[in-house]
N, C-alpha and C. Protein backbone atom coordinates (compact mmCIF):
# COMPACT_ATOMS: atom_id res chain seq x y z
N UNK A 1 5.64 12.57 -49.63
CA UNK A 1 5.32 11.21 -48.87
C UNK A 1 6.65 10.80 -48.50
N UNK A 2 6.43 10.77 -46.84
CA UNK A 2 7.68 9.95 -46.31
C UNK A 2 7.90 8.58 -46.56
N UNK A 3 9.12 7.95 -46.58
CA UNK A 3 9.23 6.56 -46.81
C UNK A 3 9.33 6.01 -45.49
N UNK A 4 9.00 4.97 -45.34
CA UNK A 4 8.87 4.24 -43.98
C UNK A 4 10.59 3.70 -43.73
N UNK A 5 11.18 3.99 -42.78
CA UNK A 5 12.62 3.63 -42.63
C UNK A 5 12.75 2.00 -42.56
N UNK A 6 11.66 1.39 -42.03
CA UNK A 6 11.94 -0.06 -41.82
C UNK A 6 11.82 -0.89 -43.28
N UNK A 7 11.14 -0.09 -44.21
CA UNK A 7 10.88 -0.69 -45.57
C UNK A 7 11.97 -0.38 -46.42
N UNK A 8 12.93 0.16 -46.11
CA UNK A 8 14.18 0.48 -46.95
C UNK A 8 15.00 -0.71 -47.59
N UNK A 9 14.83 -1.80 -46.88
CA UNK A 9 15.76 -2.85 -47.10
C UNK A 9 17.22 -3.05 -47.07
N UNK A 10 17.68 -2.09 -46.49
CA UNK A 10 19.10 -1.82 -45.97
C UNK A 10 19.51 -2.96 -45.16
N UNK A 11 20.61 -3.75 -45.90
CA UNK A 11 21.15 -4.95 -45.33
C UNK A 11 22.77 -4.75 -44.94
N UNK A 12 23.38 -3.74 -45.37
CA UNK A 12 24.88 -3.32 -45.08
C UNK A 12 24.94 -2.02 -44.99
N UNK A 13 25.93 -1.63 -44.20
CA UNK A 13 26.27 -0.14 -44.06
C UNK A 13 27.85 -0.20 -43.97
N UNK A 14 28.58 0.66 -44.73
CA UNK A 14 29.98 0.79 -44.46
C UNK A 14 30.44 1.13 -43.12
N UNK A 15 29.54 1.81 -42.38
CA UNK A 15 29.94 2.28 -40.94
C UNK A 15 29.99 0.96 -40.07
N UNK A 16 28.83 0.17 -40.25
CA UNK A 16 28.47 -0.87 -39.17
C UNK A 16 28.58 -2.21 -39.72
N UNK A 17 28.74 -2.37 -40.86
CA UNK A 17 28.88 -3.71 -41.53
C UNK A 17 27.43 -4.03 -41.65
N UNK A 18 26.97 -5.45 -41.51
CA UNK A 18 25.76 -6.03 -41.75
C UNK A 18 24.63 -5.33 -40.83
N UNK A 19 23.51 -5.25 -41.46
CA UNK A 19 22.34 -4.59 -40.56
C UNK A 19 21.17 -5.70 -40.40
N UNK A 20 20.47 -5.53 -39.34
CA UNK A 20 19.48 -6.53 -39.13
C UNK A 20 18.23 -5.89 -39.72
N UNK A 21 17.48 -6.56 -40.75
CA UNK A 21 16.27 -5.80 -41.55
C UNK A 21 15.27 -5.63 -40.47
N UNK A 22 15.17 -6.16 -39.36
CA UNK A 22 14.03 -6.29 -38.42
C UNK A 22 13.97 -4.97 -37.80
N UNK A 23 15.13 -4.75 -36.83
CA UNK A 23 15.29 -3.64 -35.88
C UNK A 23 16.20 -2.48 -36.43
N UNK A 24 16.82 -2.63 -37.49
CA UNK A 24 17.80 -1.71 -38.31
C UNK A 24 18.84 -1.15 -37.38
N UNK A 25 19.27 -2.27 -36.63
CA UNK A 25 20.73 -2.01 -35.99
C UNK A 25 21.65 -3.02 -36.58
N UNK A 26 22.96 -2.59 -36.39
CA UNK A 26 24.06 -3.52 -36.64
C UNK A 26 23.74 -4.95 -35.90
N UNK A 27 24.19 -5.92 -36.74
CA UNK A 27 23.93 -7.39 -36.38
C UNK A 27 24.62 -7.61 -34.91
N UNK A 28 25.58 -6.95 -34.57
CA UNK A 28 26.46 -7.09 -33.18
C UNK A 28 25.33 -6.50 -32.19
N UNK A 29 24.55 -5.52 -32.45
CA UNK A 29 23.86 -4.87 -31.71
C UNK A 29 22.27 -5.25 -31.70
N UNK A 30 22.10 -6.12 -32.43
CA UNK A 30 20.63 -6.52 -32.67
C UNK A 30 19.73 -6.93 -31.65
N UNK A 31 18.66 -6.32 -31.60
CA UNK A 31 17.74 -6.55 -30.36
C UNK A 31 16.64 -7.57 -30.80
N UNK A 32 16.55 -8.02 -31.97
CA UNK A 32 15.52 -8.97 -32.26
C UNK A 32 15.93 -10.29 -31.85
N UNK A 33 17.21 -10.50 -31.99
CA UNK A 33 17.62 -11.91 -31.60
C UNK A 33 17.64 -12.17 -30.05
N UNK A 34 17.59 -11.15 -29.37
CA UNK A 34 17.68 -11.26 -27.78
C UNK A 34 16.26 -11.52 -27.54
N UNK A 35 15.41 -10.99 -28.06
CA UNK A 35 13.95 -11.31 -27.62
C UNK A 35 13.48 -12.65 -28.23
N UNK A 36 13.68 -13.60 -27.45
CA UNK A 36 13.21 -14.99 -27.83
C UNK A 36 12.31 -15.70 -26.93
N UNK A 37 11.52 -16.55 -27.08
CA UNK A 37 10.46 -17.19 -26.27
C UNK A 37 11.28 -17.98 -25.32
N UNK A 38 10.86 -17.70 -23.76
CA UNK A 38 11.53 -18.64 -22.86
C UNK A 38 11.15 -20.01 -22.95
N UNK A 39 12.18 -20.85 -22.73
CA UNK A 39 11.89 -22.47 -22.75
C UNK A 39 10.43 -22.78 -21.92
N UNK A 40 9.91 -23.73 -22.53
CA UNK A 40 8.83 -24.27 -21.70
C UNK A 40 9.37 -25.10 -20.37
N UNK A 41 8.55 -24.78 -19.33
CA UNK A 41 8.78 -25.87 -18.08
C UNK A 41 7.69 -26.06 -17.39
N UNK A 42 7.64 -27.12 -16.66
CA UNK A 42 6.46 -27.34 -15.85
C UNK A 42 6.47 -26.88 -14.40
N UNK A 43 7.55 -26.04 -14.27
CA UNK A 43 7.57 -25.39 -12.94
C UNK A 43 8.56 -26.11 -11.72
N UNK A 44 9.00 -27.20 -12.22
CA UNK A 44 10.03 -27.82 -11.32
C UNK A 44 11.40 -27.70 -11.97
N UNK A 45 12.26 -27.36 -11.04
CA UNK A 45 13.68 -27.36 -11.35
C UNK A 45 14.23 -28.62 -10.98
N UNK A 46 14.99 -29.50 -11.72
CA UNK A 46 15.40 -30.74 -11.44
C UNK A 46 16.79 -30.84 -11.44
N UNK A 47 17.21 -31.32 -10.34
CA UNK A 47 18.89 -31.39 -9.93
C UNK A 47 19.13 -32.81 -9.91
N UNK A 48 20.19 -33.07 -10.56
CA UNK A 48 20.68 -34.56 -10.79
C UNK A 48 22.21 -34.52 -10.88
N UNK A 49 22.80 -35.77 -10.57
CA UNK A 49 24.21 -35.93 -10.68
C UNK A 49 24.67 -36.75 -11.78
N UNK A 50 25.54 -36.72 -12.57
CA UNK A 50 25.98 -37.51 -13.62
C UNK A 50 27.33 -37.63 -13.63
N UNK A 51 27.87 -38.83 -14.10
CA UNK A 51 29.31 -38.97 -14.28
C UNK A 51 29.50 -39.83 -15.65
N UNK A 52 28.43 -40.06 -16.30
CA UNK A 52 28.48 -40.90 -17.60
C UNK A 52 29.23 -40.09 -18.69
N UNK A 53 30.21 -40.62 -19.41
CA UNK A 53 30.86 -39.87 -20.52
C UNK A 53 31.85 -38.73 -20.27
N UNK A 54 32.16 -38.56 -18.92
CA UNK A 54 32.70 -37.46 -18.44
C UNK A 54 34.07 -38.10 -17.82
N UNK A 55 34.69 -39.16 -18.04
CA UNK A 55 35.82 -39.71 -17.55
C UNK A 55 35.83 -40.06 -16.14
N UNK A 56 34.79 -40.50 -15.78
CA UNK A 56 34.70 -40.75 -14.12
C UNK A 56 34.38 -39.50 -13.44
N UNK A 57 34.36 -38.34 -13.91
CA UNK A 57 34.30 -37.10 -13.13
C UNK A 57 32.52 -36.70 -12.85
N UNK A 58 32.31 -36.40 -11.84
CA UNK A 58 30.92 -36.15 -11.35
C UNK A 58 30.70 -34.57 -11.66
N UNK A 59 29.52 -34.48 -12.27
CA UNK A 59 28.96 -33.03 -12.40
C UNK A 59 27.56 -32.93 -11.95
N UNK A 60 27.08 -31.73 -11.34
CA UNK A 60 25.75 -31.79 -10.98
C UNK A 60 25.18 -31.00 -12.05
N UNK A 61 23.80 -31.26 -12.46
CA UNK A 61 23.11 -30.98 -13.66
C UNK A 61 21.84 -30.12 -12.96
N UNK A 62 21.43 -28.93 -13.53
CA UNK A 62 20.29 -28.39 -13.12
C UNK A 62 19.53 -28.05 -14.52
N UNK A 63 18.36 -28.55 -14.63
CA UNK A 63 17.39 -28.66 -15.78
C UNK A 63 16.12 -28.22 -15.29
N UNK A 64 15.50 -27.35 -16.33
CA UNK A 64 14.04 -27.08 -16.19
C UNK A 64 13.95 -25.68 -15.90
N UNK A 65 14.92 -24.87 -15.86
CA UNK A 65 14.73 -23.53 -15.47
C UNK A 65 14.26 -22.74 -16.76
N UNK A 66 13.06 -21.90 -16.51
CA UNK A 66 12.48 -21.04 -17.68
C UNK A 66 13.13 -19.55 -17.65
N UNK A 67 14.36 -19.66 -17.97
CA UNK A 67 14.90 -18.32 -17.84
C UNK A 67 15.69 -18.05 -19.19
N UNK A 68 15.70 -16.78 -19.61
CA UNK A 68 16.57 -16.42 -20.72
C UNK A 68 18.26 -16.78 -20.71
N UNK A 69 18.75 -16.71 -21.59
CA UNK A 69 20.40 -16.99 -21.61
C UNK A 69 21.08 -16.23 -20.58
N UNK A 70 20.95 -14.96 -20.62
CA UNK A 70 21.60 -13.99 -19.78
C UNK A 70 21.32 -14.51 -18.24
N UNK A 71 20.07 -14.48 -17.95
CA UNK A 71 19.70 -14.89 -16.70
C UNK A 71 20.23 -16.20 -16.14
N UNK A 72 20.10 -17.39 -17.09
CA UNK A 72 20.71 -18.60 -16.84
C UNK A 72 22.20 -18.62 -16.59
N UNK A 73 22.95 -17.73 -17.34
CA UNK A 73 24.36 -17.68 -17.17
C UNK A 73 24.65 -16.87 -15.74
N UNK A 74 23.81 -15.97 -15.40
CA UNK A 74 24.13 -15.29 -14.21
C UNK A 74 23.79 -16.36 -12.94
N UNK A 75 22.87 -17.02 -13.06
CA UNK A 75 22.33 -18.12 -12.04
C UNK A 75 23.47 -19.14 -12.01
N UNK A 76 23.99 -19.40 -13.19
CA UNK A 76 25.05 -20.51 -13.20
C UNK A 76 26.33 -20.08 -12.31
N UNK A 77 26.63 -18.79 -12.66
CA UNK A 77 27.79 -18.07 -11.75
C UNK A 77 27.42 -18.30 -10.53
N UNK A 78 26.39 -17.78 -9.96
CA UNK A 78 25.87 -17.74 -8.59
C UNK A 78 26.07 -19.16 -7.99
N UNK A 79 25.54 -20.24 -8.62
CA UNK A 79 25.54 -21.46 -8.11
C UNK A 79 26.96 -21.97 -8.06
N UNK A 80 27.73 -21.67 -9.22
CA UNK A 80 29.42 -22.24 -9.13
C UNK A 80 30.18 -21.52 -7.92
N UNK A 81 29.69 -20.36 -7.66
CA UNK A 81 30.36 -19.55 -6.60
C UNK A 81 29.99 -20.25 -5.19
N UNK A 82 28.75 -20.44 -4.99
CA UNK A 82 28.13 -21.23 -3.61
C UNK A 82 28.81 -22.62 -3.54
N UNK A 83 29.01 -23.20 -4.64
CA UNK A 83 29.59 -24.53 -4.54
C UNK A 83 31.19 -24.46 -4.49
N UNK A 84 31.72 -23.27 -4.83
CA UNK A 84 33.29 -23.23 -5.02
C UNK A 84 33.92 -24.01 -5.92
N UNK A 85 33.19 -24.13 -6.81
CA UNK A 85 33.77 -25.02 -8.17
C UNK A 85 33.65 -24.58 -9.40
N UNK A 86 34.00 -25.17 -10.41
CA UNK A 86 33.75 -24.68 -11.97
C UNK A 86 32.61 -25.13 -12.42
N UNK A 87 32.31 -24.88 -13.89
CA UNK A 87 31.11 -25.30 -14.51
C UNK A 87 30.92 -24.62 -15.70
N UNK A 88 29.66 -24.81 -16.35
CA UNK A 88 29.35 -24.22 -17.39
C UNK A 88 27.86 -24.22 -17.63
N UNK A 89 27.33 -23.32 -18.51
CA UNK A 89 25.85 -23.47 -19.08
C UNK A 89 25.91 -24.04 -20.46
N UNK A 90 25.12 -25.01 -20.68
CA UNK A 90 25.05 -25.40 -22.08
C UNK A 90 23.68 -25.79 -22.43
N UNK A 91 23.15 -25.37 -23.44
CA UNK A 91 21.75 -25.64 -24.00
C UNK A 91 20.67 -25.63 -22.80
N UNK A 92 20.79 -24.60 -22.01
CA UNK A 92 19.77 -24.37 -21.20
C UNK A 92 20.00 -25.32 -19.88
N UNK A 93 21.08 -25.92 -19.64
CA UNK A 93 21.34 -26.78 -18.48
C UNK A 93 22.61 -26.26 -17.84
N UNK A 94 22.64 -26.00 -16.49
CA UNK A 94 23.60 -25.57 -15.78
C UNK A 94 24.47 -26.70 -15.46
N UNK A 95 25.79 -26.84 -15.68
CA UNK A 95 26.39 -27.98 -14.98
C UNK A 95 27.60 -27.37 -13.96
N UNK A 96 27.47 -28.12 -12.74
CA UNK A 96 28.62 -27.58 -11.83
C UNK A 96 29.41 -28.64 -11.69
N UNK A 97 30.67 -28.55 -11.57
CA UNK A 97 31.67 -29.71 -11.45
C UNK A 97 31.52 -30.14 -9.89
N UNK A 98 31.71 -31.51 -9.81
CA UNK A 98 31.51 -32.11 -8.45
C UNK A 98 29.95 -32.49 -8.36
N UNK A 99 30.02 -33.27 -6.96
CA UNK A 99 28.69 -33.67 -6.37
C UNK A 99 28.00 -32.54 -5.49
N UNK A 100 27.51 -31.73 -5.77
CA UNK A 100 26.91 -30.48 -5.07
C UNK A 100 25.43 -30.51 -5.06
N UNK A 101 24.80 -31.48 -5.18
CA UNK A 101 23.25 -31.70 -5.30
C UNK A 101 22.68 -30.93 -4.16
N UNK A 102 23.10 -31.17 -2.90
CA UNK A 102 22.29 -30.58 -1.60
C UNK A 102 22.56 -28.89 -1.73
N UNK A 103 23.76 -28.65 -1.90
CA UNK A 103 24.15 -27.11 -1.86
C UNK A 103 23.36 -26.44 -3.08
N UNK A 104 23.39 -26.97 -4.32
CA UNK A 104 22.56 -26.30 -5.32
C UNK A 104 20.99 -26.22 -5.01
N UNK A 105 20.53 -27.48 -4.44
CA UNK A 105 19.09 -27.43 -4.02
C UNK A 105 18.65 -26.39 -3.03
N UNK A 106 19.58 -26.10 -2.23
CA UNK A 106 19.33 -25.06 -1.00
C UNK A 106 19.40 -23.69 -1.66
N UNK A 107 20.42 -23.38 -2.37
CA UNK A 107 20.59 -22.26 -3.30
C UNK A 107 19.19 -21.79 -4.16
N UNK A 108 18.87 -22.73 -4.77
CA UNK A 108 17.76 -22.59 -5.69
C UNK A 108 16.41 -22.51 -4.80
N UNK A 109 16.20 -22.87 -3.76
CA UNK A 109 15.11 -22.87 -2.76
C UNK A 109 15.29 -21.49 -2.29
N UNK A 110 16.22 -21.07 -2.06
CA UNK A 110 16.45 -19.67 -1.29
C UNK A 110 15.90 -18.82 -2.29
N UNK A 111 16.11 -18.88 -3.70
CA UNK A 111 15.70 -18.02 -4.51
C UNK A 111 14.38 -18.13 -4.90
N UNK A 112 13.68 -19.24 -4.31
CA UNK A 112 12.15 -19.16 -4.63
C UNK A 112 11.79 -20.41 -5.61
N UNK A 113 12.75 -21.02 -6.18
CA UNK A 113 12.45 -22.19 -7.23
C UNK A 113 11.95 -23.43 -6.56
N UNK A 114 11.14 -24.02 -7.32
CA UNK A 114 10.50 -25.51 -6.87
C UNK A 114 11.50 -26.51 -7.31
N UNK A 115 12.24 -27.03 -6.50
CA UNK A 115 13.13 -27.95 -6.77
C UNK A 115 13.11 -29.30 -6.51
N UNK A 116 13.29 -30.33 -7.45
CA UNK A 116 13.10 -31.68 -7.21
C UNK A 116 14.52 -32.47 -7.27
N UNK A 117 14.64 -33.44 -6.86
CA UNK A 117 15.93 -34.16 -6.90
C UNK A 117 15.77 -35.20 -7.83
N UNK A 118 16.48 -35.28 -9.12
CA UNK A 118 16.10 -36.42 -9.97
C UNK A 118 17.25 -37.31 -10.24
N UNK A 119 17.05 -38.28 -10.66
CA UNK A 119 17.86 -39.51 -10.60
C UNK A 119 18.09 -40.19 -9.43
N UNK A 120 19.22 -41.04 -9.44
CA UNK A 120 19.49 -41.76 -8.31
C UNK A 120 20.42 -41.43 -7.32
């Protein structure tokens, strides 16, 4: 009788280190953690401007994108390049340095997203 490889309970290998018990791959190459549910969204991408708590510096925030982490990082890179400024992706929110609401909204509309201006 063959033993099912997923039920062996292997959690460590001297070759690869810690192993994922779900997909049986090394933790660095685990595919279980990459397959996560997409964040819920109402279909609208909200673009806003914020300067509170940033030492007076203005940033453009993009919220409400129902994308996984890799696609969100790629979109953040495209938006930063379109604006010619820096920024980051934190907790599902793209932050672009400076007041670039109009440029970001146009870039998102070209990609087919439904965009709203949020805030004042």
